[in-house]
């Protein structure tokens, strides 16, 4: 998302640099590590390089909930909801993260791609 889009979504003044810093703090937190482990345990997949991806984009959760501090993130139920996470391979995570940055992609295409990647991972 571009900085202007961040302000539009959140109604707050949030620079890209500030959001990146906060995202890093959250991703390095004990709570994030525990959330990832719970999602991987639930999915019980044996992937070589597992990663956990938020179904609703991580940044969107931060913006929708007005999260500006690590403490606010720790108190946000939506951020730690394991039903909003899925275990995927490292390469798949990179592709999904890139696709989320493309605003013109349709939900149908994204869902088709996710299904395709899931089938490829099963082989």
N, C-alpha and C. Protein backbone atom coordinates (compact mmCIF):
# COMPACT_ATOMS: atom_id res chain seq x y z
N UNK A 1 0.84 -1.18 0.00
CA UNK A 1 0.00 0.00 0.00
C UNK A 1 0.88 1.24 0.00
N UNK A 2 0.42 2.23 -0.67
CA UNK A 2 1.14 3.49 -0.72
C UNK A 2 0.78 4.32 0.51
N UNK A 3 1.66 5.21 0.95
CA UNK A 3 1.38 6.02 2.14
C UNK A 3 0.03 6.73 2.09
N UNK A 4 -0.36 7.26 0.93
CA UNK A 4 -1.65 7.94 0.84
C UNK A 4 -2.79 6.97 1.12
N UNK A 5 -2.65 5.72 0.61
CA UNK A 5 -3.68 4.71 0.85
C UNK A 5 -3.76 4.37 2.33
N UNK A 6 -2.63 4.36 3.02
CA UNK A 6 -2.62 4.05 4.45
C UNK A 6 -3.45 5.09 5.21
N UNK A 7 -3.28 6.35 4.86
CA UNK A 7 -4.03 7.41 5.53
C UNK A 7 -5.51 7.29 5.23
N UNK A 8 -5.87 6.97 3.98
CA UNK A 8 -7.27 6.86 3.59
C UNK A 8 -7.95 5.73 4.36
N UNK A 9 -7.29 4.58 4.46
CA UNK A 9 -7.88 3.42 5.13
C UNK A 9 -8.07 3.65 6.62
N UNK A 10 -7.10 4.26 7.23
CA UNK A 10 -7.12 4.34 8.69
C UNK A 10 -7.74 5.62 9.24
N UNK A 11 -7.77 6.66 8.42
CA UNK A 11 -8.23 7.95 8.92
C UNK A 11 -7.21 8.56 9.86
N UNK A 12 -6.03 7.97 9.93
CA UNK A 12 -4.97 8.44 10.81
C UNK A 12 -3.80 8.90 9.97
N UNK A 13 -2.93 9.66 10.56
CA UNK A 13 -1.70 10.02 9.88
C UNK A 13 -0.66 9.00 10.29
N UNK A 14 -0.31 8.14 9.36
CA UNK A 14 0.57 7.02 9.62
C UNK A 14 1.56 6.92 8.48
N UNK A 15 2.82 7.23 8.72
CA UNK A 15 3.80 7.14 7.64
C UNK A 15 4.15 5.67 7.38
N UNK A 16 4.61 5.43 6.18
CA UNK A 16 5.01 4.07 5.79
C UNK A 16 6.12 3.57 6.71
N UNK A 17 7.04 4.47 7.07
CA UNK A 17 8.16 4.12 7.94
C UNK A 17 7.67 3.71 9.33
N UNK A 18 6.71 4.46 9.87
CA UNK A 18 6.16 4.14 11.19
C UNK A 18 5.44 2.79 11.18
N UNK A 19 4.68 2.55 10.11
CA UNK A 19 3.95 1.29 10.00
C UNK A 19 4.91 0.11 9.88
N UNK A 20 5.97 0.29 9.13
CA UNK A 20 6.97 -0.77 8.97
C UNK A 20 7.65 -1.08 10.31
N UNK A 21 7.98 -0.03 11.06
CA UNK A 21 8.62 -0.20 12.37
C UNK A 21 7.70 -0.95 13.33
N UNK A 22 6.43 -0.54 13.37
CA UNK A 22 5.47 -1.20 14.25
C UNK A 22 5.25 -2.65 13.83
N UNK A 23 5.14 -2.89 12.53
CA UNK A 23 4.97 -4.27 12.02
C UNK A 23 6.12 -5.15 12.47
N UNK A 24 7.33 -4.62 12.39
CA UNK A 24 8.51 -5.38 12.82
C UNK A 24 8.48 -5.70 14.30
N UNK A 25 8.07 -4.73 15.11
CA UNK A 25 7.98 -4.95 16.56
C UNK A 25 6.96 -6.06 16.86
N UNK A 26 5.84 -6.02 16.18
CA UNK A 26 4.80 -7.02 16.41
C UNK A 26 5.29 -8.40 15.98
N UNK A 27 5.89 -8.48 14.80
CA UNK A 27 6.34 -9.77 14.27
C UNK A 27 7.47 -10.38 15.11
N UNK A 28 8.19 -9.56 15.87
CA UNK A 28 9.25 -10.08 16.75
C UNK A 28 8.75 -10.35 18.16
N UNK A 29 7.48 -10.11 18.40
CA UNK A 29 6.95 -10.27 19.77
C UNK A 29 6.68 -11.74 20.10
N UNK A 30 6.63 -11.99 21.39
CA UNK A 30 6.32 -13.33 21.90
C UNK A 30 4.92 -13.74 21.46
N UNK A 31 3.99 -12.79 21.47
CA UNK A 31 2.60 -13.08 21.09
C UNK A 31 2.50 -13.53 19.64
N UNK A 32 3.29 -12.90 18.76
CA UNK A 32 3.26 -13.27 17.35
C UNK A 32 3.82 -14.69 17.17
N UNK A 33 4.91 -15.00 17.87
CA UNK A 33 5.50 -16.34 17.78
C UNK A 33 4.50 -17.39 18.27
N UNK A 34 3.78 -17.08 19.34
CA UNK A 34 2.78 -18.01 19.87
C UNK A 34 1.63 -18.18 18.88
N UNK A 35 1.18 -17.08 18.26
CA UNK A 35 0.09 -17.14 17.27
C UNK A 35 0.51 -18.02 16.10
N UNK A 36 1.73 -17.82 15.59
CA UNK A 36 2.22 -18.63 14.48
C UNK A 36 2.24 -20.11 14.84
N UNK A 37 2.74 -20.41 16.04
CA UNK A 37 2.83 -21.82 16.45
C UNK A 37 1.45 -22.46 16.56
N UNK A 38 0.48 -21.71 17.10
CA UNK A 38 -0.89 -22.24 17.22
C UNK A 38 -1.49 -22.52 15.85
N UNK A 39 -1.25 -21.64 14.89
CA UNK A 39 -1.78 -21.86 13.53
C UNK A 39 -1.12 -23.09 12.91
N UNK A 40 0.20 -23.22 13.05
CA UNK A 40 0.90 -24.38 12.48
C UNK A 40 0.46 -25.67 13.16
N UNK A 41 0.26 -25.64 14.47
CA UNK A 41 -0.22 -26.83 15.18
C UNK A 41 -1.61 -27.23 14.70
N UNK A 42 -2.47 -26.23 14.51
CA UNK A 42 -3.83 -26.50 14.05
C UNK A 42 -3.83 -27.11 12.66
N UNK A 43 -3.01 -26.56 11.75
CA UNK A 43 -2.98 -27.04 10.37
C UNK A 43 -2.25 -28.37 10.23
N UNK A 44 -1.35 -28.66 11.15
CA UNK A 44 -0.63 -29.92 11.20
C UNK A 44 -0.08 -30.34 9.83
N UNK A 45 0.59 -29.42 9.17
CA UNK A 45 1.18 -29.71 7.86
C UNK A 45 2.67 -29.97 8.01
N UNK A 46 3.16 -30.87 7.22
CA UNK A 46 4.60 -31.14 7.25
C UNK A 46 5.25 -30.49 6.03
N UNK A 47 5.52 -29.21 6.15
CA UNK A 47 6.17 -28.46 5.08
C UNK A 47 7.63 -28.29 5.42
N UNK A 48 8.46 -28.22 4.38
CA UNK A 48 9.89 -28.02 4.60
C UNK A 48 10.17 -26.69 5.29
N UNK A 49 9.64 -25.62 4.75
CA UNK A 49 9.84 -24.28 5.31
C UNK A 49 8.48 -23.64 5.56
N UNK A 50 7.81 -24.01 6.65
CA UNK A 50 6.47 -23.47 6.88
C UNK A 50 6.50 -21.99 7.27
N UNK A 51 5.47 -21.31 6.87
CA UNK A 51 5.29 -19.92 7.24
C UNK A 51 3.81 -19.73 7.50
N UNK A 52 3.45 -18.72 8.24
CA UNK A 52 2.05 -18.45 8.54
C UNK A 52 1.67 -17.13 7.89
N UNK A 53 0.50 -17.12 7.27
CA UNK A 53 0.03 -15.94 6.54
C UNK A 53 -1.34 -15.56 7.08
N UNK A 54 -1.55 -14.26 7.30
CA UNK A 54 -2.88 -13.79 7.70
C UNK A 54 -3.81 -13.83 6.50
N UNK A 55 -5.00 -14.37 6.66
CA UNK A 55 -5.99 -14.36 5.58
C UNK A 55 -6.40 -12.91 5.28
N UNK A 56 -6.69 -12.15 6.31
CA UNK A 56 -6.92 -10.71 6.15
C UNK A 56 -5.54 -10.08 6.28
N UNK A 57 -5.14 -9.26 5.33
CA UNK A 57 -3.78 -8.71 5.37
C UNK A 57 -3.43 -8.06 6.72
N UNK A 58 -2.23 -8.36 7.17
CA UNK A 58 -1.70 -7.90 8.45
C UNK A 58 -1.83 -6.38 8.58
N UNK A 59 -1.40 -5.64 7.55
CA UNK A 59 -1.46 -4.17 7.62
C UNK A 59 -2.89 -3.67 7.71
N UNK A 60 -3.79 -4.36 7.02
CA UNK A 60 -5.20 -3.95 7.06
C UNK A 60 -5.76 -4.13 8.47
N UNK A 61 -5.37 -5.19 9.15
CA UNK A 61 -5.81 -5.40 10.54
C UNK A 61 -5.32 -4.26 11.41
N UNK A 62 -4.04 -3.88 11.24
CA UNK A 62 -3.48 -2.78 12.03
C UNK A 62 -4.25 -1.49 11.78
N UNK A 63 -4.51 -1.20 10.52
CA UNK A 63 -5.18 0.04 10.17
C UNK A 63 -6.66 0.05 10.58
N UNK A 64 -7.35 -1.06 10.31
CA UNK A 64 -8.78 -1.14 10.66
C UNK A 64 -9.03 -1.00 12.15
N UNK A 65 -8.07 -1.46 12.94
CA UNK A 65 -8.21 -1.42 14.40
C UNK A 65 -7.51 -0.22 15.03
N UNK A 66 -6.96 0.67 14.20
CA UNK A 66 -6.32 1.88 14.71
C UNK A 66 -5.10 1.60 15.57
N UNK A 67 -4.39 0.52 15.28
CA UNK A 67 -3.25 0.13 16.11
C UNK A 67 -2.04 1.01 15.78
N UNK A 68 -1.52 1.66 16.81
CA UNK A 68 -0.36 2.53 16.64
C UNK A 68 0.77 2.18 17.59
N UNK A 69 0.51 1.26 18.52
CA UNK A 69 1.55 0.88 19.48
C UNK A 69 1.57 -0.64 19.63
N UNK A 70 2.67 -1.14 20.16
CA UNK A 70 2.79 -2.58 20.40
C UNK A 70 1.75 -3.04 21.41
N UNK A 71 1.48 -2.24 22.42
CA UNK A 71 0.48 -2.62 23.43
C UNK A 71 -0.91 -2.73 22.80
N UNK A 72 -1.26 -1.79 21.93
CA UNK A 72 -2.55 -1.86 21.24
C UNK A 72 -2.63 -3.12 20.40
N UNK A 73 -1.51 -3.50 19.78
CA UNK A 73 -1.48 -4.74 18.98
C UNK A 73 -1.71 -5.95 19.88
N UNK A 74 -1.06 -5.96 21.04
CA UNK A 74 -1.22 -7.09 21.96
C UNK A 74 -2.65 -7.21 22.45
N UNK A 75 -3.37 -6.10 22.53
CA UNK A 75 -4.76 -6.10 23.00
C UNK A 75 -5.78 -6.36 21.89
N UNK A 76 -5.34 -6.44 20.64
CA UNK A 76 -6.25 -6.59 19.50
C UNK A 76 -6.59 -8.07 19.27
N UNK A 77 -7.85 -8.44 19.50
CA UNK A 77 -8.27 -9.84 19.35
C UNK A 77 -8.17 -10.32 17.91
N UNK A 78 -8.48 -9.44 16.96
CA UNK A 78 -8.46 -9.84 15.55
C UNK A 78 -7.06 -10.24 15.09
N UNK A 79 -6.05 -9.58 15.59
CA UNK A 79 -4.67 -9.86 15.19
C UNK A 79 -4.23 -11.25 15.61
N UNK A 80 -4.74 -11.73 16.74
CA UNK A 80 -4.31 -13.02 17.30
C UNK A 80 -5.31 -14.14 17.08
N UNK A 81 -6.33 -13.91 16.28
CA UNK A 81 -7.34 -14.92 15.97
C UNK A 81 -6.73 -15.96 15.04
N UNK A 82 -6.60 -17.21 15.50
CA UNK A 82 -5.93 -18.22 14.66
C UNK A 82 -6.76 -18.60 13.44
N UNK A 83 -8.06 -18.31 13.45
CA UNK A 83 -8.86 -18.61 12.25
C UNK A 83 -8.50 -17.65 11.11
N UNK A 84 -7.78 -16.59 11.43
CA UNK A 84 -7.33 -15.64 10.41
C UNK A 84 -5.93 -15.99 9.88
N UNK A 85 -5.40 -17.13 10.28
CA UNK A 85 -4.07 -17.53 9.83
C UNK A 85 -4.12 -18.85 9.09
N UNK A 86 -3.13 -19.04 8.23
CA UNK A 86 -3.00 -20.33 7.53
C UNK A 86 -1.53 -20.64 7.34
N UNK A 87 -1.20 -21.91 7.40
CA UNK A 87 0.17 -22.35 7.20
C UNK A 87 0.40 -22.57 5.72
N UNK A 88 1.43 -21.95 5.19
CA UNK A 88 1.79 -22.11 3.78
C UNK A 88 3.31 -22.21 3.68
N UNK A 89 3.78 -22.59 2.51
CA UNK A 89 5.22 -22.68 2.29
C UNK A 89 5.84 -21.29 2.16
N UNK A 90 7.14 -21.22 2.37
CA UNK A 90 7.84 -19.94 2.34
C UNK A 90 7.69 -19.24 0.98
N UNK A 91 7.83 -19.97 -0.11
CA UNK A 91 7.68 -19.39 -1.45
C UNK A 91 6.27 -18.91 -1.70
N UNK A 92 5.29 -19.66 -1.22
CA UNK A 92 3.89 -19.27 -1.37
C UNK A 92 3.62 -17.98 -0.61
N UNK A 93 4.20 -17.84 0.55
CA UNK A 93 4.01 -16.64 1.36
C UNK A 93 4.53 -15.41 0.61
N UNK A 94 5.67 -15.56 -0.01
CA UNK A 94 6.26 -14.45 -0.76
C UNK A 94 5.33 -14.04 -1.91
N UNK A 95 4.77 -15.01 -2.62
CA UNK A 95 3.86 -14.72 -3.74
C UNK A 95 2.61 -14.02 -3.23
N UNK A 96 2.00 -14.55 -2.17
CA UNK A 96 0.78 -13.92 -1.64
C UNK A 96 1.04 -12.50 -1.15
N UNK A 97 2.16 -12.29 -0.50
CA UNK A 97 2.49 -10.94 -0.02
C UNK A 97 2.65 -9.96 -1.18
N UNK A 98 3.27 -10.41 -2.25
CA UNK A 98 3.42 -9.56 -3.43
C UNK A 98 2.05 -9.27 -4.07
N UNK A 99 1.21 -10.28 -4.16
CA UNK A 99 -0.10 -10.09 -4.76
C UNK A 99 -0.97 -9.14 -3.96
N UNK A 100 -0.83 -9.14 -2.65
CA UNK A 100 -1.61 -8.23 -1.81
C UNK A 100 -1.26 -6.77 -2.07
N UNK A 101 -0.07 -6.55 -2.57
CA UNK A 101 0.35 -5.16 -2.85
C UNK A 101 -0.19 -4.66 -4.19
N UNK A 102 -0.71 -5.56 -5.01
CA UNK A 102 -1.26 -5.16 -6.30
C UNK A 102 -2.74 -4.88 -6.11
N UNK A 103 -3.12 -3.61 -6.24
CA UNK A 103 -4.50 -3.22 -5.95
C UNK A 103 -5.49 -3.67 -7.01
N UNK A 104 -5.04 -3.96 -8.23
CA UNK A 104 -5.97 -4.30 -9.31
C UNK A 104 -6.30 -5.79 -9.40
N UNK A 105 -5.73 -6.60 -8.52
CA UNK A 105 -5.98 -8.04 -8.59
C UNK A 105 -7.37 -8.35 -8.04
N UNK A 106 -8.07 -9.23 -8.73
CA UNK A 106 -9.43 -9.55 -8.30
C UNK A 106 -9.41 -10.65 -7.24
N UNK A 107 -10.40 -10.66 -6.35
CA UNK A 107 -10.45 -11.72 -5.34
C UNK A 107 -10.55 -13.12 -5.96
N UNK A 108 -11.25 -13.23 -7.08
CA UNK A 108 -11.37 -14.54 -7.74
C UNK A 108 -10.03 -15.07 -8.21
N UNK A 109 -9.22 -14.19 -8.80
CA UNK A 109 -7.90 -14.61 -9.25
C UNK A 109 -7.04 -15.03 -8.07
N UNK A 110 -7.09 -14.24 -7.01
CA UNK A 110 -6.29 -14.55 -5.83
C UNK A 110 -6.70 -15.91 -5.24
N UNK A 111 -8.02 -16.15 -5.16
CA UNK A 111 -8.49 -17.42 -4.61
C UNK A 111 -8.06 -18.59 -5.50
N UNK A 112 -8.15 -18.39 -6.82
CA UNK A 112 -7.72 -19.44 -7.75
C UNK A 112 -6.23 -19.74 -7.59
N UNK A 113 -5.44 -18.69 -7.45
CA UNK A 113 -4.01 -18.87 -7.27
C UNK A 113 -3.70 -19.59 -5.95
N UNK A 114 -4.41 -19.22 -4.89
CA UNK A 114 -4.21 -19.89 -3.60
C UNK A 114 -4.57 -21.37 -3.70
N UNK A 115 -5.68 -21.68 -4.39
CA UNK A 115 -6.06 -23.08 -4.56
C UNK A 115 -5.01 -23.84 -5.36
N UNK A 116 -4.52 -23.21 -6.43
CA UNK A 116 -3.49 -23.82 -7.25
C UNK A 116 -2.23 -24.11 -6.44
N UNK A 117 -1.80 -23.12 -5.67
CA UNK A 117 -0.62 -23.31 -4.85
C UNK A 117 -0.81 -24.40 -3.81
N UNK A 118 -2.02 -24.49 -3.27
CA UNK A 118 -2.32 -25.55 -2.31
C UNK A 118 -2.22 -26.93 -2.95
N UNK A 119 -2.70 -27.05 -4.18
CA UNK A 119 -2.62 -28.33 -4.89
C UNK A 119 -1.19 -28.69 -5.23
N UNK A 120 -0.40 -27.69 -5.63
CA UNK A 120 1.00 -27.92 -5.94
C UNK A 120 1.75 -28.39 -4.69
N UNK A 121 1.40 -27.78 -3.53
CA UNK A 121 2.05 -28.15 -2.27
C UNK A 121 1.71 -29.55 -1.81
N UNK A 122 0.56 -30.07 -2.25
CA UNK A 122 0.15 -31.41 -1.84
C UNK A 122 0.93 -32.50 -2.55
N UNK A 123 1.53 -32.18 -3.69
CA UNK A 123 2.23 -33.19 -4.48
C UNK A 123 3.53 -33.59 -3.87
